[in-house]
C-alpha cells in the first residue's frame, strides 16, 4: 500500500519571525511581499506565506501570518499571528530589536517555564528566531542602523489558549509563541511507531547489540557524547513511546537499551506512563512530593513540589537541596523498575542516563559497562 506523505507545518515562532521580516522590508522599501524566507532555530530555512501587510504610518506596519500546523493541526492551527513593526529612534534598554508580547500572547505567572514571571510567553528559541529574521531584513534593505520594536499579537489568543495547557501552566491571557525547530512535524502514532521499528532494524542489521533511545534531538545528542564509541545507527529517537520502544527492542533481539532523558520524561516514566506525551499523561505532583518526603527532602520543599506546575519547576525547587541527587537517583530507579516491568519474562538490560535542563549529566543507573 502506498504511504501518504504528511505535510509539515510551521510554528507560531516562525509565523512571528516571518511577520517581522516582512514588516521591516515593507517600511523601508515599500514592498508588499507575498512570502519571506526565514531562518529556523535548527539552521534550516523556511518560506512562509504572508497573509496581508498594512501600513499604519510611515514608521509603523501590521503584518498578518496565518499559522499552519500542516497535517498535525493543534489548537493554534489557523490562528492569525499579527506582527506590529515600528521603526524607532531609540528602543528600550538601547536594544536594536525590542520584542514584546501584545494582545493574545499570554503572560507567565508561575515558575517552572523558560520565561520569567511577568514576561510575555515568547520562548527563547522563537525570540532568537525573530531577532535573526529582523537582522536579515536589516541587511536586505541595507539599513544596519535600524532600531525596531516588534510586538506579537494573536487574534482570539485568549480563546485559543483555553484549548491548550497554558492555563494549567500559569500562562494567562493568551497563547505561547513556541518552536524549538521552527517547523511542526506531522505526528501519526502508527507512522512514528513504524519509524522506530525501522530504525531499530537498521541498528540491529548494523551489528549493534545495544540501542540508545532518546525522546528527542537534544537528549540524543547528549547520549551520543556519553557513548562516543557507539556506531551512529545505534541511536534511535522514540519520542513518547516508552513501552513500545522496549517491546520493539526485545522483538528485534537487542541485549539492552539505554534511555537518555530529562527530568520531565523521567518522572512520567517513574509514575508508570507507557506513553509520555503531554496530551495523554500528566505528572502527579502529590505523588512526586510523597516520594521526595520518603528520601528526606525537607517538608518545605515537599510542599512546594506538591504545588509545582512543571518538572522544570521541581528542578528549581530542589536545586540547592543537599539530597537532590539521592531523590533523582530514586526517581531513576523507579523508572528503571517500570521499564523492567514492561520487559516481563523476556531478557533486556535497561540503563538510564539522566540530564538536567541545562544539559548537565546528573547520573546513570544500569549496566556499568555501557
Protein backbone atom coordinates (compact mmCIF):
# COMPACT_ATOMS: atom_id res chain seq x y z
CA UNK A 1 0.00 0.00 0.00
CA UNK A 2 1.34 3.45 -0.92
CA UNK A 3 2.18 5.63 2.08
CA UNK A 4 0.87 9.19 2.15
CA UNK A 5 3.50 11.80 2.97
CA UNK A 6 2.29 14.08 5.75
CA UNK A 7 2.58 17.83 5.23
CA UNK A 8 4.99 19.75 7.50
CA UNK A 9 3.70 22.96 9.07
CA UNK A 10 5.35 25.87 10.85
CA UNK A 11 5.33 27.16 14.41
CA UNK A 12 3.97 30.37 15.93
CA UNK A 13 7.61 31.38 16.31
CA UNK A 14 8.20 31.03 12.57
CA UNK A 15 5.00 32.95 11.83
CA UNK A 16 6.19 35.77 14.08
CA UNK A 17 9.66 35.82 12.54
CA UNK A 18 8.17 35.99 9.04
CA UNK A 19 5.90 38.87 10.03
CA UNK A 20 8.83 40.78 11.50
CA UNK A 21 10.97 40.40 8.38
CA UNK A 22 8.13 41.27 6.00
CA UNK A 23 7.23 44.35 8.07
CA UNK A 24 10.76 45.75 8.01
CA UNK A 25 11.05 45.24 4.24
CA UNK A 26 7.69 46.98 3.75
CA UNK A 27 8.56 50.00 5.89
CA UNK A 28 11.94 50.63 4.26
CA UNK A 29 11.34 49.58 0.65
CA UNK A 30 7.58 49.94 0.40
CA UNK A 31 7.44 46.40 -0.95
CA UNK A 32 4.48 44.15 -0.13
CA UNK A 33 5.91 40.64 -0.13
CA UNK A 34 3.73 37.55 -0.52
CA UNK A 35 6.20 35.28 1.22
CA UNK A 36 9.50 35.51 3.07
CA UNK A 37 12.45 33.21 3.57
CA UNK A 38 13.41 32.95 7.24
CA UNK A 39 15.96 31.14 9.44
CA UNK A 40 14.93 28.47 11.92
CA UNK A 41 16.43 27.58 15.31
CA UNK A 42 17.98 24.43 13.82
CA UNK A 43 19.78 26.14 10.94
CA UNK A 44 17.37 25.27 8.14
CA UNK A 45 15.37 27.76 6.05
CA UNK A 46 11.60 28.14 5.66
CA UNK A 47 9.48 30.04 3.19
CA UNK A 48 6.42 31.43 4.97
CA UNK A 49 3.38 32.94 3.17
CA UNK A 50 2.26 36.41 4.25
CA UNK A 51 -1.50 36.94 4.53
CA UNK A 52 -1.51 40.75 4.49
CA UNK A 53 0.58 43.85 5.17
CA UNK A 54 -0.95 47.16 6.18
CA UNK A 55 0.86 50.47 6.70
CA UNK A 56 -0.45 52.38 9.74
CA UNK A 57 2.04 55.24 9.33
CA UNK A 58 5.42 55.78 7.63
CA UNK A 59 7.00 54.23 10.71
CA UNK A 60 4.51 51.50 11.61
CA UNK A 61 3.12 48.42 9.84
CA UNK A 62 0.95 45.45 10.72
CA UNK A 63 1.69 42.09 9.13
CA UNK A 64 -0.63 39.09 9.40
CA UNK A 65 0.51 35.48 9.05
CA UNK A 66 -1.84 32.52 9.30
CA UNK A 67 -0.25 29.77 11.36
CA UNK A 68 -0.25 26.45 9.51
CA UNK A 69 0.12 23.26 11.54
CA UNK A 70 0.47 21.09 8.44
CA UNK A 71 -1.03 17.63 8.85
CA UNK A 72 -0.65 17.80 12.64
CA UNK A 73 -3.11 20.59 13.45
CA UNK A 74 -3.26 21.72 17.06
CA UNK A 75 -5.20 24.46 18.84
CA UNK A 76 -3.17 27.19 17.12
CA UNK A 77 -3.66 25.86 13.57
CA UNK A 78 -5.23 28.64 11.51
CA UNK A 79 -4.57 31.30 14.15
CA UNK A 80 -3.85 34.79 12.87
CA UNK A 81 -0.46 35.93 14.14
CA UNK A 82 -0.31 39.71 13.94
CA UNK A 83 3.14 41.31 13.99
CA UNK A 84 3.33 45.06 14.58
CA UNK A 85 6.64 46.51 13.40
CA UNK A 86 7.65 50.03 14.41
CA UNK A 87 10.76 51.97 13.40
CA UNK A 88 12.18 53.66 16.48
CA UNK A 89 14.78 56.30 17.16
CA UNK A 90 15.51 54.59 20.44
CA UNK A 91 14.45 51.23 21.77
CA UNK A 92 14.06 50.20 25.42
CA UNK A 93 17.35 49.27 27.04
CA UNK A 94 19.25 50.50 23.98
CA UNK A 95 18.36 47.33 22.11
CA UNK A 96 18.31 47.45 18.34
CA UNK A 97 15.42 44.99 18.36
CA UNK A 98 12.81 45.15 21.12
CA UNK A 99 10.43 42.16 21.08
CA UNK A 100 7.20 42.45 23.01
CA UNK A 101 4.01 40.50 23.53
CA UNK A 102 0.67 42.12 22.83
CA UNK A 103 -2.97 41.13 22.91
CA UNK A 104 -3.50 37.38 22.66
CA UNK A 105 0.01 36.45 23.84
CA UNK A 106 -0.05 35.00 27.35
CA UNK A 107 1.79 36.32 30.38
CA UNK A 108 3.82 33.93 32.54
CA UNK A 109 2.57 33.89 36.14
CA UNK A 110 4.25 30.80 37.58
CA UNK A 111 7.75 29.43 37.91
CA UNK A 112 8.97 26.40 36.02
CA UNK A 113 8.91 27.83 32.49
CA UNK A 114 11.85 29.09 30.39
CA UNK A 115 10.40 32.63 30.58
CA UNK A 116 10.43 34.74 33.75
CA UNK A 117 7.28 35.58 35.69
CA UNK A 118 5.60 38.71 34.36
CA UNK A 119 7.09 38.34 30.87
CA UNK A 120 5.16 37.54 27.68
CA UNK A 121 5.21 33.85 26.82
CA UNK A 122 7.61 34.16 23.90
CA UNK A 123 10.04 31.29 24.42
CA UNK A 124 13.81 31.70 23.97
CA UNK A 125 14.15 29.84 20.66
CA UNK A 126 11.41 31.75 18.81
CA UNK A 127 12.62 35.03 20.36
CA UNK A 128 16.06 34.37 18.88
CA UNK A 129 14.44 33.36 15.59
CA UNK A 130 12.50 36.65 15.42
CA UNK A 131 15.70 38.59 16.10
CA UNK A 132 17.62 36.68 13.44
CA UNK A 133 14.87 37.30 10.88
CA UNK A 134 14.88 41.02 11.71
CA UNK A 135 18.67 41.20 11.36
CA UNK A 136 18.39 39.53 7.95
CA UNK A 137 15.84 42.16 6.95
CA UNK A 138 18.23 44.93 8.04
CA UNK A 139 20.81 43.55 5.61
CA UNK A 140 18.31 43.10 2.77
CA UNK A 141 17.20 46.73 2.97
CA UNK A 142 20.81 47.89 3.52
CA UNK A 143 19.98 49.64 6.79
CA UNK A 144 22.20 48.26 9.53
CA UNK A 145 21.40 51.36 11.62
CA UNK A 146 17.74 50.45 12.11
CA UNK A 147 16.09 50.16 15.51
CA UNK A 148 12.73 48.43 15.65
CA UNK A 149 10.05 47.43 18.10
CA UNK A 150 8.31 44.17 17.23
CA UNK A 151 5.05 43.38 19.03
CA UNK A 152 3.48 39.96 18.59
CA UNK A 153 -0.30 39.67 18.89
CA UNK A 154 -2.66 36.74 18.28
CA UNK A 155 -6.25 37.27 17.23
CA UNK A 156 -8.55 35.42 19.66
CA UNK A 157 -5.43 34.29 21.51
CA UNK A 158 -7.13 34.15 24.88
CA UNK A 159 -9.92 31.99 23.49
CA UNK A 160 -7.46 29.67 21.71
CA UNK A 161 -5.41 29.32 24.91
CA UNK A 162 -8.35 27.68 26.69
CA UNK A 163 -7.83 24.68 24.39
CA UNK A 164 -4.18 24.36 25.41
CA UNK A 165 -2.28 23.55 28.61
CA UNK A 166 -1.46 27.25 29.12
CA UNK A 167 -3.98 27.98 31.91
CA UNK A 168 -2.76 24.97 33.89
CA UNK A 169 0.85 26.10 33.38
CA UNK A 170 0.08 29.58 34.65
CA UNK A 171 0.25 31.32 31.27
CA UNK A 172 -2.70 33.70 31.28
CA UNK A 173 -4.35 35.90 28.70
CA UNK A 174 -3.29 34.12 25.54
CA UNK A 175 -1.14 31.52 23.83
CA UNK A 176 2.60 30.97 23.89
CA UNK A 177 4.90 31.76 20.99
CA UNK A 178 6.72 28.47 20.62
CA UNK A 179 9.02 26.44 18.40
CA UNK A 180 12.40 24.84 19.07
CA UNK A 181 12.71 23.73 15.41
CA UNK A 182 10.61 26.25 13.50
CA UNK A 183 8.55 23.51 11.89
CA UNK A 184 5.64 21.36 13.04
CA UNK A 185 6.40 17.74 12.27
CA UNK A 186 3.21 15.82 11.47
CA UNK A 187 2.51 13.30 14.20
CA UNK A 188 0.97 9.97 13.38
CA UNK A 189 1.30 7.37 16.14
CA UNK A 190 1.30 4.48 13.70
CA UNK A 191 3.76 6.17 11.36
CA UNK A 192 6.08 7.05 14.25
CA UNK A 193 5.98 3.50 15.60
CA UNK A 194 6.84 2.24 12.11
CA UNK A 195 9.78 4.66 12.04
CA UNK A 196 11.04 3.44 15.43
CA UNK A 197 10.74 -0.16 14.30
CA UNK A 198 12.59 0.53 11.05
CA UNK A 199 15.35 2.48 12.82
CA UNK A 200 15.83 -0.35 15.31
CA UNK A 201 16.05 -2.86 12.49
CA UNK A 202 18.73 -0.76 10.81
CA UNK A 203 20.63 -0.62 14.12
CA UNK A 204 20.35 -4.38 14.57
CA UNK A 205 21.40 -5.11 10.98
CA UNK A 206 24.46 -2.90 11.51
CA UNK A 207 25.59 -5.29 14.24
CA UNK A 208 24.53 -3.23 17.26
CA UNK A 209 23.59 -5.31 20.30
CA UNK A 210 22.56 -2.30 22.38
CA UNK A 211 20.45 0.63 21.25
CA UNK A 212 20.35 4.19 22.61
CA UNK A 213 16.82 5.53 22.99
CA UNK A 214 16.15 9.26 23.32
CA UNK A 215 12.96 11.28 23.46
CA UNK A 216 14.26 14.00 21.12
CA UNK A 217 17.21 15.61 19.39
CA UNK A 218 18.81 17.16 22.47
CA UNK A 219 18.73 14.02 24.57
CA UNK A 220 20.09 12.01 21.64
CA UNK A 221 22.99 14.42 21.18
CA UNK A 222 23.87 14.18 24.88
CA UNK A 223 23.76 10.38 24.80
CA UNK A 224 25.97 10.33 21.71
CA UNK A 225 28.51 12.40 23.61
CA UNK A 226 28.43 9.92 26.51
CA UNK A 227 28.66 6.87 24.22
CA UNK A 228 31.01 8.21 21.58
CA UNK A 229 32.32 4.73 20.79
CA UNK A 230 28.91 3.56 19.57
CA UNK A 231 28.08 3.47 15.88
CA UNK A 232 25.71 6.10 14.54
CA UNK A 233 22.97 3.63 13.66
CA UNK A 234 22.65 2.54 17.29
CA UNK A 235 20.79 5.73 18.31
CA UNK A 236 17.02 5.94 17.85
CA UNK A 237 14.61 8.73 18.78
CA UNK A 238 11.47 7.26 20.33
CA UNK A 239 9.54 10.44 21.23
CA UNK A 240 6.95 9.42 23.85
CA UNK A 241 6.73 5.69 23.05
CA UNK A 242 8.26 4.36 26.27
CA UNK A 243 6.69 0.91 26.48
CA UNK A 244 6.55 0.34 22.71
CA UNK A 245 10.28 1.03 22.33
CA UNK A 246 11.10 -1.58 24.98
CA UNK A 247 8.84 -4.18 23.40
CA UNK A 248 10.29 -3.43 19.96
CA UNK A 249 13.87 -3.72 21.25
CA UNK A 250 13.00 -7.16 22.61
CA UNK A 251 11.39 -8.15 19.31
CA UNK A 252 14.50 -7.06 17.40
CA UNK A 253 16.77 -9.13 19.63
CA UNK A 254 18.79 -6.40 21.34
CA UNK A 255 20.67 -7.30 24.51
CA UNK A 256 19.88 -3.95 26.10
CA UNK A 257 18.70 -0.36 25.74
CA UNK A 258 19.98 2.96 27.09
CA UNK A 259 17.46 5.69 27.79
CA UNK A 260 18.58 9.33 27.63
CA UNK A 261 16.07 11.52 29.48
CA UNK A 262 15.41 14.89 31.03
CA UNK A 263 13.50 15.13 34.35
CA UNK A 264 10.04 15.57 32.84
CA UNK A 265 10.07 12.29 30.93
CA UNK A 266 11.90 10.56 33.78
CA UNK A 267 9.14 11.45 36.24
CA UNK A 268 6.40 10.29 33.87
CA UNK A 269 8.23 7.01 33.31
CA UNK A 270 8.69 6.58 37.06
CA UNK A 271 4.97 7.10 37.53
CA UNK A 272 4.27 4.26 35.11
CA UNK A 273 3.07 6.07 31.99
CA UNK A 274 3.71 3.80 28.97
CA UNK A 275 3.21 6.81 26.67
CA UNK A 276 4.58 10.12 27.93
CA UNK A 277 3.07 12.76 25.64
CA UNK A 278 1.54 15.74 27.46
CA UNK A 279 -1.84 15.10 25.85
CA UNK A 280 -2.06 11.60 27.31
CA UNK A 281 -0.08 11.71 30.55
CA UNK A 282 0.24 14.09 33.49
CA UNK A 283 2.75 14.35 36.31
CA UNK A 284 1.18 13.58 39.67
CA UNK A 285 2.93 16.21 41.79
CA UNK A 286 1.32 14.94 45.01
CA UNK A 287 2.81 11.50 44.40
CA UNK A 288 6.14 13.09 43.49
CA UNK A 289 6.05 15.06 46.73
CA UNK A 290 5.46 11.89 48.75
CA UNK A 291 8.46 10.25 47.07
CA UNK A 292 10.56 13.29 47.92
CA UNK A 293 9.45 13.05 51.55
CA UNK A 294 10.50 9.39 51.65
CA UNK A 295 14.03 10.38 50.60
CA UNK A 296 14.34 13.01 53.31
CA UNK A 297 13.64 16.15 51.30
CA UNK A 298 12.61 18.99 53.63
CA UNK A 299 8.88 19.40 54.38
CA UNK A 300 9.01 22.94 52.97
CA UNK A 301 10.36 21.75 49.64
CA UNK A 302 7.98 18.79 49.56
CA UNK A 303 5.06 21.19 49.93
CA UNK A 304 6.40 23.29 47.05
CA UNK A 305 6.78 20.17 44.92
CA UNK A 306 3.16 19.19 45.58
CA UNK A 307 2.12 22.63 44.33
CA UNK A 308 4.51 22.66 41.36
CA UNK A 309 3.44 23.22 37.81
CA UNK A 310 6.16 21.56 35.74
CA UNK A 311 9.14 19.25 36.11
CA UNK A 312 11.34 22.26 35.39
CA UNK A 313 9.87 23.99 38.43
CA UNK A 314 10.56 20.92 40.56
CA UNK A 315 14.21 21.02 39.47
CA UNK A 316 14.37 24.66 40.55
CA UNK A 317 12.85 23.79 43.94
CA UNK A 318 15.47 21.12 44.63
CA UNK A 319 18.40 22.94 43.01
CA UNK A 320 20.06 23.66 46.39
CA UNK A 321 18.68 20.59 48.14
CA UNK A 322 21.52 18.52 49.73
CA UNK A 323 19.61 15.32 48.95
CA UNK A 324 18.89 16.33 45.35
CA UNK A 325 20.88 13.51 43.74
CA UNK A 326 19.51 10.96 46.20
CA UNK A 327 15.99 11.94 45.18
CA UNK A 328 16.81 11.92 41.45
CA UNK A 329 18.52 8.54 41.79
CA UNK A 330 15.39 7.18 43.46
CA UNK A 331 13.27 8.52 40.56
CA UNK A 332 15.60 6.87 38.09
CA UNK A 333 15.39 3.50 39.87
CA UNK A 334 11.61 3.79 39.94
CA UNK A 335 11.62 4.40 36.19
CA UNK A 336 14.07 1.53 35.72
CA UNK A 337 11.71 -0.80 37.61
CA UNK A 338 8.76 0.29 35.47
CA UNK A 339 10.84 -0.42 32.36
CA UNK A 340 11.76 -3.85 33.72
CA UNK A 341 8.06 -4.48 34.26
CA UNK A 342 7.49 -3.82 30.54
CA UNK A 343 10.26 -6.32 29.75
CA UNK A 344 8.30 -9.02 31.57
CA UNK A 345 9.64 -12.55 31.13
CA UNK A 346 12.00 -11.51 28.33
CA UNK A 347 15.65 -10.60 28.79
CA UNK A 348 16.72 -6.99 28.18
CA UNK A 349 19.12 -4.86 30.20
CA UNK A 350 17.97 -1.31 30.92
CA UNK A 351 20.28 1.65 31.51
CA UNK A 352 19.36 5.27 32.19
CA UNK A 353 21.39 8.42 31.54
CA UNK A 354 19.74 11.44 33.16
CA UNK A 355 20.46 15.08 32.26
CA UNK A 356 19.17 18.35 33.71
CA UNK A 357 17.60 21.14 31.66
CA UNK A 358 20.97 22.87 31.32
CA UNK A 359 22.21 19.67 29.62
CA UNK A 360 24.44 18.68 32.53
CA UNK A 361 24.85 14.95 33.17
CA UNK A 362 23.32 14.03 36.54
CA UNK A 363 23.58 10.27 36.95
CA UNK A 364 23.49 6.85 35.40
CA UNK A 365 21.56 3.79 36.53
CA UNK A 366 22.03 0.37 34.95
CA UNK A 367 24.77 -1.65 33.31
CA UNK A 368 28.23 -0.39 34.27
CA UNK A 369 29.91 -1.44 31.02
CA UNK A 370 27.76 0.83 28.84
